Amino acid sequence: MIKFGFVAALISLALSTTVVAGPAEDVDAVVNRWAATYSANDADAILKMYTPDAILLGTVSPIIADTTEARKAYFSRLPGSGNKSKIGDHRTMVLNDNAVLVTGFYDFTIMQSGKPVDVAARFSMLVVKRGNVWLIAHHHSSAKPKPPQ
């Protein structure tokens, strides 16, 4: 009887346990969704992932895109481009329940003259919780330097 009671208690505990994602998991999902949205070439959807006051330092931009219009201009060449992005090695640092910093590498495949060109880059994103939604408040991207020879 004790064995049955113990097994029943374990099964009951396992069934009643709810898995709740924390800020790190939530924000990792945002970063992966950003890459998937970029790869879908959906500029409108990617712009909605940023806070209204977000700062974007784009990989190929000479300006600080700190307005909605500037971010829209930066991503305006994305629709129909065929460009892709894939998140690579990265680190996630929870600053508090409403702010998470993610830093790492991503690889782009950029279509140039109809041919794919691979571009290695690095990024940092500060993702903040506004209400119940995680949004990108700061995004820096730059070319990944080549290792010294």
N, C-alpha and C. Protein backbone atom coordinates (compact mmCIF):
# COMPACT_ATOMS: atom_id res chain seq x y z
N MET A 1 0.81 -1.19 0.00
CA MET A 1 0.00 0.00 0.00
C MET A 1 0.86 1.25 0.00
N ILE A 2 1.99 1.22 0.70
CA ILE A 2 2.85 2.38 0.76
C ILE A 2 3.43 2.66 -0.62
N LYS A 3 3.83 1.61 -1.36
CA LYS A 3 4.39 1.82 -2.69
C LYS A 3 3.36 2.48 -3.60
N PHE A 4 2.12 2.00 -3.57
CA PHE A 4 1.08 2.57 -4.41
C PHE A 4 0.84 4.03 -4.04
N GLY A 5 0.78 4.34 -2.75
CA GLY A 5 0.56 5.71 -2.28
C GLY A 5 1.68 6.63 -2.71
N PHE A 6 2.91 6.14 -2.65
CA PHE A 6 4.08 6.94 -3.03
C PHE A 6 4.05 7.22 -4.53
N VAL A 7 3.76 6.20 -5.33
CA VAL A 7 3.68 6.35 -6.78
C VAL A 7 2.53 7.29 -7.14
N ALA A 8 1.41 7.13 -6.50
CA ALA A 8 0.26 8.00 -6.77
C ALA A 8 0.60 9.45 -6.43
N ALA A 9 1.30 9.66 -5.34
CA ALA A 9 1.69 11.02 -4.95
C ALA A 9 2.64 11.62 -5.98
N LEU A 10 3.59 10.83 -6.47
CA LEU A 10 4.52 11.32 -7.50
C LEU A 10 3.78 11.68 -8.79
N ILE A 11 2.85 10.84 -9.19
CA ILE A 11 2.07 11.10 -10.41
C ILE A 11 1.25 12.37 -10.22
N SER A 12 0.62 12.51 -9.07
CA SER A 12 -0.19 13.68 -8.79
C SER A 12 0.66 14.95 -8.82
N LEU A 13 1.83 14.90 -8.23
CA LEU A 13 2.74 16.04 -8.21
C LEU A 13 3.18 16.40 -9.62
N ALA A 14 3.52 15.40 -10.40
CA ALA A 14 3.97 15.64 -11.78
C ALA A 14 2.86 16.26 -12.62
N LEU A 15 1.64 15.80 -12.45
CA LEU A 15 0.52 16.32 -13.23
C LEU A 15 0.11 17.72 -12.80
N SER A 16 0.33 18.05 -11.53
CA SER A 16 -0.11 19.36 -11.04
C SER A 16 0.95 20.43 -11.22
N THR A 17 2.16 20.06 -11.57
CA THR A 17 3.23 21.03 -11.74
C THR A 17 3.06 21.74 -13.07
N THR A 18 3.00 23.05 -13.01
CA THR A 18 2.88 23.86 -14.21
C THR A 18 4.25 24.44 -14.53
N VAL A 19 4.68 24.31 -15.76
CA VAL A 19 5.95 24.87 -16.17
C VAL A 19 5.71 26.32 -16.55
N VAL A 20 6.40 27.22 -15.86
CA VAL A 20 6.27 28.64 -16.13
C VAL A 20 7.62 29.15 -16.60
N ALA A 21 7.63 29.78 -17.76
CA ALA A 21 8.87 30.34 -18.28
C ALA A 21 9.21 31.59 -17.50
N GLY A 22 10.49 31.80 -17.31
CA GLY A 22 10.96 33.00 -16.66
C GLY A 22 11.38 34.03 -17.69
N PRO A 23 11.88 35.17 -17.23
CA PRO A 23 12.29 36.23 -18.15
C PRO A 23 13.34 35.77 -19.18
N ALA A 24 14.29 34.95 -18.77
CA ALA A 24 15.34 34.51 -19.71
C ALA A 24 14.74 33.71 -20.86
N GLU A 25 13.86 32.78 -20.54
CA GLU A 25 13.23 31.95 -21.58
C GLU A 25 12.31 32.79 -22.46
N ASP A 26 11.57 33.70 -21.84
CA ASP A 26 10.68 34.57 -22.61
C ASP A 26 11.46 35.40 -23.62
N VAL A 27 12.57 35.97 -23.17
CA VAL A 27 13.35 36.84 -24.05
C VAL A 27 14.13 36.04 -25.09
N ASP A 28 14.61 34.87 -24.75
CA ASP A 28 15.23 34.02 -25.78
C ASP A 28 14.23 33.75 -26.90
N ALA A 29 12.97 33.56 -26.53
CA ALA A 29 11.93 33.35 -27.54
C ALA A 29 11.74 34.60 -28.39
N VAL A 30 11.83 35.78 -27.79
CA VAL A 30 11.72 37.04 -28.55
C VAL A 30 12.86 37.15 -29.56
N VAL A 31 14.08 36.84 -29.12
CA VAL A 31 15.24 36.93 -30.01
C VAL A 31 15.09 35.94 -31.17
N ASN A 32 14.66 34.74 -30.88
CA ASN A 32 14.45 33.76 -31.95
C ASN A 32 13.31 34.17 -32.88
N ARG A 33 12.27 34.79 -32.32
CA ARG A 33 11.17 35.29 -33.15
C ARG A 33 11.66 36.45 -34.04
N TRP A 34 12.57 37.29 -33.51
CA TRP A 34 13.12 38.37 -34.30
C TRP A 34 13.82 37.78 -35.54
N ALA A 35 14.65 36.76 -35.33
CA ALA A 35 15.37 36.13 -36.46
C ALA A 35 14.39 35.50 -37.45
N ALA A 36 13.36 34.84 -36.95
CA ALA A 36 12.37 34.22 -37.84
C ALA A 36 11.60 35.28 -38.62
N THR A 37 11.28 36.38 -37.97
CA THR A 37 10.54 37.46 -38.62
C THR A 37 11.42 38.13 -39.67
N TYR A 38 12.69 38.33 -39.34
CA TYR A 38 13.64 38.87 -40.32
C TYR A 38 13.72 37.93 -41.52
N SER A 39 13.86 36.65 -41.25
CA SER A 39 13.97 35.65 -42.32
C SER A 39 12.70 35.56 -43.16
N ALA A 40 11.56 35.92 -42.57
CA ALA A 40 10.31 35.96 -43.33
C ALA A 40 10.19 37.26 -44.12
N ASN A 41 11.17 38.15 -43.94
CA ASN A 41 11.22 39.44 -44.63
C ASN A 41 10.01 40.30 -44.31
N ASP A 42 9.49 40.19 -43.09
CA ASP A 42 8.30 40.92 -42.67
C ASP A 42 8.68 42.17 -41.87
N ALA A 43 8.91 43.26 -42.58
CA ALA A 43 9.35 44.51 -41.94
C ALA A 43 8.31 45.03 -40.96
N ASP A 44 7.03 44.97 -41.32
CA ASP A 44 5.98 45.47 -40.43
C ASP A 44 5.98 44.72 -39.10
N ALA A 45 6.09 43.41 -39.16
CA ALA A 45 6.09 42.60 -37.94
C ALA A 45 7.34 42.83 -37.11
N ILE A 46 8.47 42.99 -37.76
CA ILE A 46 9.71 43.21 -37.01
C ILE A 46 9.68 44.56 -36.31
N LEU A 47 9.11 45.58 -36.96
CA LEU A 47 9.01 46.90 -36.34
C LEU A 47 8.14 46.87 -35.09
N LYS A 48 7.14 46.02 -35.08
CA LYS A 48 6.26 45.90 -33.91
C LYS A 48 6.96 45.25 -32.72
N MET A 49 8.13 44.69 -32.94
CA MET A 49 8.87 44.04 -31.86
C MET A 49 9.68 45.05 -31.04
N TYR A 50 9.72 46.30 -31.48
CA TYR A 50 10.49 47.36 -30.82
C TYR A 50 9.58 48.28 -30.02
N THR A 51 10.10 48.84 -28.93
CA THR A 51 9.37 49.86 -28.20
C THR A 51 9.30 51.12 -29.07
N PRO A 52 8.33 51.99 -28.83
CA PRO A 52 8.25 53.22 -29.62
C PRO A 52 9.51 54.09 -29.51
N ASP A 53 10.20 54.02 -28.38
CA ASP A 53 11.39 54.82 -28.16
C ASP A 53 12.69 54.01 -28.29
N ALA A 54 12.62 52.89 -28.96
CA ALA A 54 13.78 52.01 -29.10
C ALA A 54 14.92 52.67 -29.86
N ILE A 55 16.12 52.22 -29.55
CA ILE A 55 17.33 52.66 -30.24
C ILE A 55 17.87 51.47 -31.02
N LEU A 56 18.08 51.68 -32.32
CA LEU A 56 18.61 50.64 -33.19
C LEU A 56 19.91 51.13 -33.82
N LEU A 57 20.97 50.39 -33.59
CA LEU A 57 22.25 50.63 -34.26
C LEU A 57 22.43 49.47 -35.23
N GLY A 58 21.90 49.65 -36.43
CA GLY A 58 21.88 48.57 -37.41
C GLY A 58 23.25 48.22 -37.95
N THR A 59 23.39 46.99 -38.39
CA THR A 59 24.66 46.47 -38.90
C THR A 59 25.22 47.33 -40.02
N VAL A 60 24.36 47.81 -40.90
CA VAL A 60 24.83 48.57 -42.07
C VAL A 60 24.31 50.01 -42.06
N SER A 61 23.96 50.52 -40.89
CA SER A 61 23.42 51.87 -40.81
C SER A 61 24.45 52.85 -40.26
N PRO A 62 24.57 54.01 -40.89
CA PRO A 62 25.49 55.03 -40.39
C PRO A 62 24.85 55.93 -39.32
N ILE A 63 23.58 55.68 -38.98
CA ILE A 63 22.87 56.54 -38.02
C ILE A 63 22.36 55.73 -36.83
N ILE A 64 22.01 56.46 -35.80
CA ILE A 64 21.31 55.88 -34.66
C ILE A 64 19.83 56.01 -34.98
N ALA A 65 19.16 54.90 -35.17
CA ALA A 65 17.74 54.91 -35.50
C ALA A 65 16.95 54.93 -34.19
N ASP A 66 16.60 56.14 -33.75
CA ASP A 66 15.92 56.28 -32.47
C ASP A 66 14.50 56.81 -32.60
N THR A 67 13.96 56.70 -33.81
CA THR A 67 12.55 57.04 -34.04
C THR A 67 11.90 55.91 -34.82
N THR A 68 10.60 55.86 -34.77
CA THR A 68 9.87 54.86 -35.54
C THR A 68 10.19 55.00 -37.02
N GLU A 69 10.24 56.23 -37.50
CA GLU A 69 10.51 56.48 -38.92
C GLU A 69 11.90 55.99 -39.32
N ALA A 70 12.88 56.23 -38.48
CA ALA A 70 14.25 55.79 -38.79
C ALA A 70 14.35 54.27 -38.81
N ARG A 71 13.68 53.59 -37.86
CA ARG A 71 13.69 52.13 -37.86
C ARG A 71 12.95 51.59 -39.07
N LYS A 72 11.86 52.24 -39.43
CA LYS A 72 11.10 51.82 -40.62
C LYS A 72 11.96 51.98 -41.87
N ALA A 73 12.69 53.06 -41.98
CA ALA A 73 13.58 53.27 -43.13
C ALA A 73 14.67 52.20 -43.17
N TYR A 74 15.21 51.85 -42.01
CA TYR A 74 16.27 50.83 -41.96
C TYR A 74 15.77 49.49 -42.48
N PHE A 75 14.58 49.09 -42.08
CA PHE A 75 14.05 47.79 -42.48
C PHE A 75 13.27 47.84 -43.80
N SER A 76 13.21 48.99 -44.44
CA SER A 76 12.40 49.14 -45.66
C SER A 76 12.88 48.27 -46.81
N ARG A 77 14.14 47.90 -46.84
CA ARG A 77 14.65 47.05 -47.93
C ARG A 77 14.47 45.56 -47.66
N LEU A 78 13.91 45.22 -46.50
CA LEU A 78 13.75 43.82 -46.12
C LEU A 78 12.67 43.07 -46.91
N PRO A 79 11.46 43.63 -47.09
CA PRO A 79 10.41 42.86 -47.78
C PRO A 79 10.83 42.40 -49.18
N GLY A 80 10.66 41.10 -49.41
CA GLY A 80 10.98 40.53 -50.72
C GLY A 80 12.46 40.36 -50.99
N SER A 81 13.31 40.64 -50.01
CA SER A 81 14.76 40.59 -50.24
C SER A 81 15.30 39.16 -50.29
N GLY A 82 14.65 38.25 -49.58
CA GLY A 82 15.19 36.89 -49.48
C GLY A 82 16.25 36.76 -48.41
N ASN A 83 16.53 37.85 -47.68
CA ASN A 83 17.55 37.83 -46.63
C ASN A 83 17.10 36.92 -45.48
N LYS A 84 18.07 36.30 -44.84
CA LYS A 84 17.80 35.38 -43.73
C LYS A 84 18.71 35.70 -42.56
N SER A 85 18.29 35.29 -41.37
CA SER A 85 19.09 35.46 -40.16
C SER A 85 18.93 34.23 -39.29
N LYS A 86 20.02 33.84 -38.65
CA LYS A 86 19.98 32.70 -37.74
C LYS A 86 20.78 33.05 -36.49
N ILE A 87 20.14 32.90 -35.33
CA ILE A 87 20.79 33.19 -34.05
C ILE A 87 21.80 32.08 -33.76
N GLY A 88 22.99 32.49 -33.34
CA GLY A 88 24.04 31.54 -32.98
C GLY A 88 24.29 31.57 -31.47
N ASP A 89 25.54 31.39 -31.11
CA ASP A 89 25.94 31.39 -29.71
C ASP A 89 25.57 32.74 -29.08
N HIS A 90 24.90 32.69 -27.93
CA HIS A 90 24.51 33.93 -27.27
C HIS A 90 24.38 33.72 -25.77
N ARG A 91 24.38 34.83 -25.06
CA ARG A 91 24.24 34.80 -23.60
C ARG A 91 23.06 35.68 -23.21
N THR A 92 22.33 35.22 -22.21
CA THR A 92 21.16 35.94 -21.73
C THR A 92 21.38 36.31 -20.27
N MET A 93 21.24 37.60 -19.97
CA MET A 93 21.46 38.09 -18.61
C MET A 93 20.18 38.79 -18.13
N VAL A 94 19.56 38.21 -17.12
CA VAL A 94 18.35 38.81 -16.55
C VAL A 94 18.79 39.94 -15.62
N LEU A 95 18.37 41.17 -15.96
CA LEU A 95 18.69 42.32 -15.12
C LEU A 95 17.67 42.46 -14.00
N ASN A 96 16.41 42.22 -14.34
CA ASN A 96 15.33 42.14 -13.36
C ASN A 96 14.14 41.49 -14.06
N ASP A 97 13.00 41.44 -13.40
CA ASP A 97 11.83 40.76 -13.98
C ASP A 97 11.30 41.43 -15.23
N ASN A 98 11.74 42.68 -15.50
CA ASN A 98 11.22 43.43 -16.63
C ASN A 98 12.29 43.86 -17.63
N ALA A 99 13.51 43.41 -17.46
CA ALA A 99 14.59 43.81 -18.38
C ALA A 99 15.61 42.68 -18.49
N VAL A 100 15.92 42.32 -19.74
CA VAL A 100 16.85 41.23 -20.01
C VAL A 100 17.78 41.67 -21.13
N LEU A 101 19.06 41.40 -20.96
CA LEU A 101 20.07 41.71 -21.97
C LEU A 101 20.51 40.42 -22.64
N VAL A 102 20.51 40.42 -23.97
CA VAL A 102 20.97 39.26 -24.73
C VAL A 102 22.10 39.73 -25.64
N THR A 103 23.21 39.02 -25.61
CA THR A 103 24.38 39.35 -26.41
C THR A 103 24.87 38.09 -27.09
N GLY A 104 25.22 38.20 -28.36
CA GLY A 104 25.73 37.02 -29.04
C GLY A 104 26.02 37.26 -30.50
N PHE A 105 25.96 36.17 -31.24
CA PHE A 105 26.27 36.20 -32.66
C PHE A 105 25.06 35.76 -33.46
N TYR A 106 24.93 36.32 -34.65
CA TYR A 106 23.96 35.82 -35.60
C TYR A 106 24.57 35.87 -36.99
N ASP A 107 24.08 34.99 -37.83
CA ASP A 107 24.57 34.91 -39.20
C ASP A 107 23.46 35.33 -40.14
N PHE A 108 23.82 36.18 -41.08
CA PHE A 108 22.89 36.64 -42.09
C PHE A 108 23.26 36.01 -43.42
N THR A 109 22.27 35.74 -44.22
CA THR A 109 22.45 35.44 -45.63
C THR A 109 21.75 36.57 -46.36
N ILE A 110 22.54 37.41 -47.00
CA ILE A 110 22.04 38.59 -47.68
C ILE A 110 22.10 38.33 -49.19
N MET A 111 21.01 38.61 -49.85
CA MET A 111 20.98 38.43 -51.31
C MET A 111 21.56 39.68 -51.98
N GLN A 112 22.63 39.49 -52.75
CA GLN A 112 23.25 40.58 -53.49
C GLN A 112 23.38 40.17 -54.94
N SER A 113 22.76 40.93 -55.82
CA SER A 113 22.75 40.62 -57.26
C SER A 113 22.26 39.20 -57.51
N GLY A 114 21.26 38.77 -56.73
CA GLY A 114 20.67 37.45 -56.90
C GLY A 114 21.48 36.31 -56.32
N LYS A 115 22.57 36.62 -55.64
CA LYS A 115 23.42 35.58 -55.05
C LYS A 115 23.49 35.74 -53.54
N PRO A 116 23.44 34.62 -52.80
CA PRO A 116 23.51 34.71 -51.34
C PRO A 116 24.94 35.01 -50.88
N VAL A 117 25.05 35.95 -49.95
CA VAL A 117 26.33 36.31 -49.34
C VAL A 117 26.18 36.13 -47.84
N ASP A 118 27.06 35.33 -47.25
CA ASP A 118 27.02 35.10 -45.81
C ASP A 118 27.73 36.23 -45.08
N VAL A 119 27.07 36.75 -44.05
CA VAL A 119 27.63 37.83 -43.25
C VAL A 119 27.51 37.44 -41.78
N ALA A 120 28.65 37.36 -41.11
CA ALA A 120 28.66 37.05 -39.68
C ALA A 120 28.59 38.38 -38.92
N ALA A 121 27.72 38.42 -37.92
CA ALA A 121 27.55 39.64 -37.14
C ALA A 121 27.40 39.30 -35.66
N ARG A 122 27.49 40.33 -34.86
CA ARG A 122 27.27 40.19 -33.42
C ARG A 122 26.18 41.17 -33.03
N PHE A 123 25.52 40.89 -31.92
CA PHE A 123 24.41 41.74 -31.52
C PHE A 123 24.30 41.83 -30.01
N SER A 124 23.61 42.86 -29.58
CA SER A 124 23.12 42.95 -28.21
C SER A 124 21.71 43.53 -28.30
N MET A 125 20.83 43.00 -27.49
CA MET A 125 19.46 43.49 -27.41
C MET A 125 19.08 43.63 -25.94
N LEU A 126 18.56 44.79 -25.61
CA LEU A 126 17.94 44.99 -24.31
C LEU A 126 16.45 44.83 -24.55
N VAL A 127 15.86 43.83 -23.92
CA VAL A 127 14.45 43.53 -24.12
C VAL A 127 13.73 43.83 -22.80
N VAL A 128 12.68 44.63 -22.90
CA VAL A 128 11.97 45.08 -21.70
C VAL A 128 10.52 44.64 -21.76
N LYS A 129 9.96 44.45 -20.59
CA LYS A 129 8.56 44.04 -20.51
C LYS A 129 7.71 45.29 -20.33
N ARG A 130 6.81 45.49 -21.28
CA ARG A 130 5.87 46.61 -21.23
C ARG A 130 4.47 46.00 -21.14
N GLY A 131 3.87 46.13 -19.97
CA GLY A 131 2.62 45.43 -19.71
C GLY A 131 2.93 43.95 -19.63
N ASN A 132 2.34 43.16 -20.52
CA ASN A 132 2.62 41.72 -20.57
C ASN A 132 3.41 41.33 -21.80
N VAL A 133 3.98 42.32 -22.49
CA VAL A 133 4.66 42.07 -23.77
C VAL A 133 6.14 42.43 -23.65
N TRP A 134 6.99 41.53 -24.15
CA TRP A 134 8.42 41.79 -24.21
C TRP A 134 8.74 42.47 -25.53
N LEU A 135 9.42 43.63 -25.46
CA LEU A 135 9.77 44.41 -26.65
C LEU A 135 11.24 44.81 -26.61
N ILE A 136 11.81 45.02 -27.77
CA ILE A 136 13.22 45.40 -27.87
C ILE A 136 13.33 46.90 -27.66
N ALA A 137 14.11 47.31 -26.66
CA ALA A 137 14.31 48.73 -26.35
C ALA A 137 15.64 49.23 -26.92
N HIS A 138 16.59 48.34 -27.06
CA HIS A 138 17.89 48.71 -27.62
C HIS A 138 18.42 47.51 -28.41
N HIS A 139 18.92 47.78 -29.61
CA HIS A 139 19.45 46.72 -30.45
C HIS A 139 20.69 47.26 -31.16
N HIS A 140 21.81 46.65 -30.85
CA HIS A 140 23.06 46.99 -31.53
C HIS A 140 23.50 45.79 -32.34
N SER A 141 23.91 46.03 -33.57
CA SER A 141 24.40 44.98 -34.45
C SER A 141 25.61 45.49 -35.21
N SER A 142 26.62 44.66 -35.30
CA SER A 142 27.81 45.05 -36.06
C SER A 142 28.46 43.81 -36.65
N ALA A 143 29.27 44.04 -37.67
CA ALA A 143 29.96 42.93 -38.31
C ALA A 143 30.86 42.23 -37.29
N LYS A 144 30.90 40.92 -37.37
CA LYS A 144 31.75 40.15 -36.47
C LYS A 144 33.18 40.23 -37.01
N PRO A 145 34.12 40.68 -36.19
CA PRO A 145 35.49 40.77 -36.66
C PRO A 145 36.06 39.39 -36.96
N LYS A 146 36.94 39.34 -37.90
CA LYS A 146 37.62 38.09 -38.21
C LYS A 146 38.68 37.84 -37.15
N PRO A 147 38.93 36.58 -36.79
CA PRO A 147 39.96 36.28 -35.80
C PRO A 147 41.34 36.74 -36.29
N PRO A 148 42.21 37.14 -35.37
CA PRO A 148 43.57 37.53 -35.78
C PRO A 148 44.31 36.35 -36.41
N GLN A 149 45.16 36.65 -37.34
CA GLN A 149 45.90 35.57 -38.02
C GLN A 149 47.24 35.33 -37.39
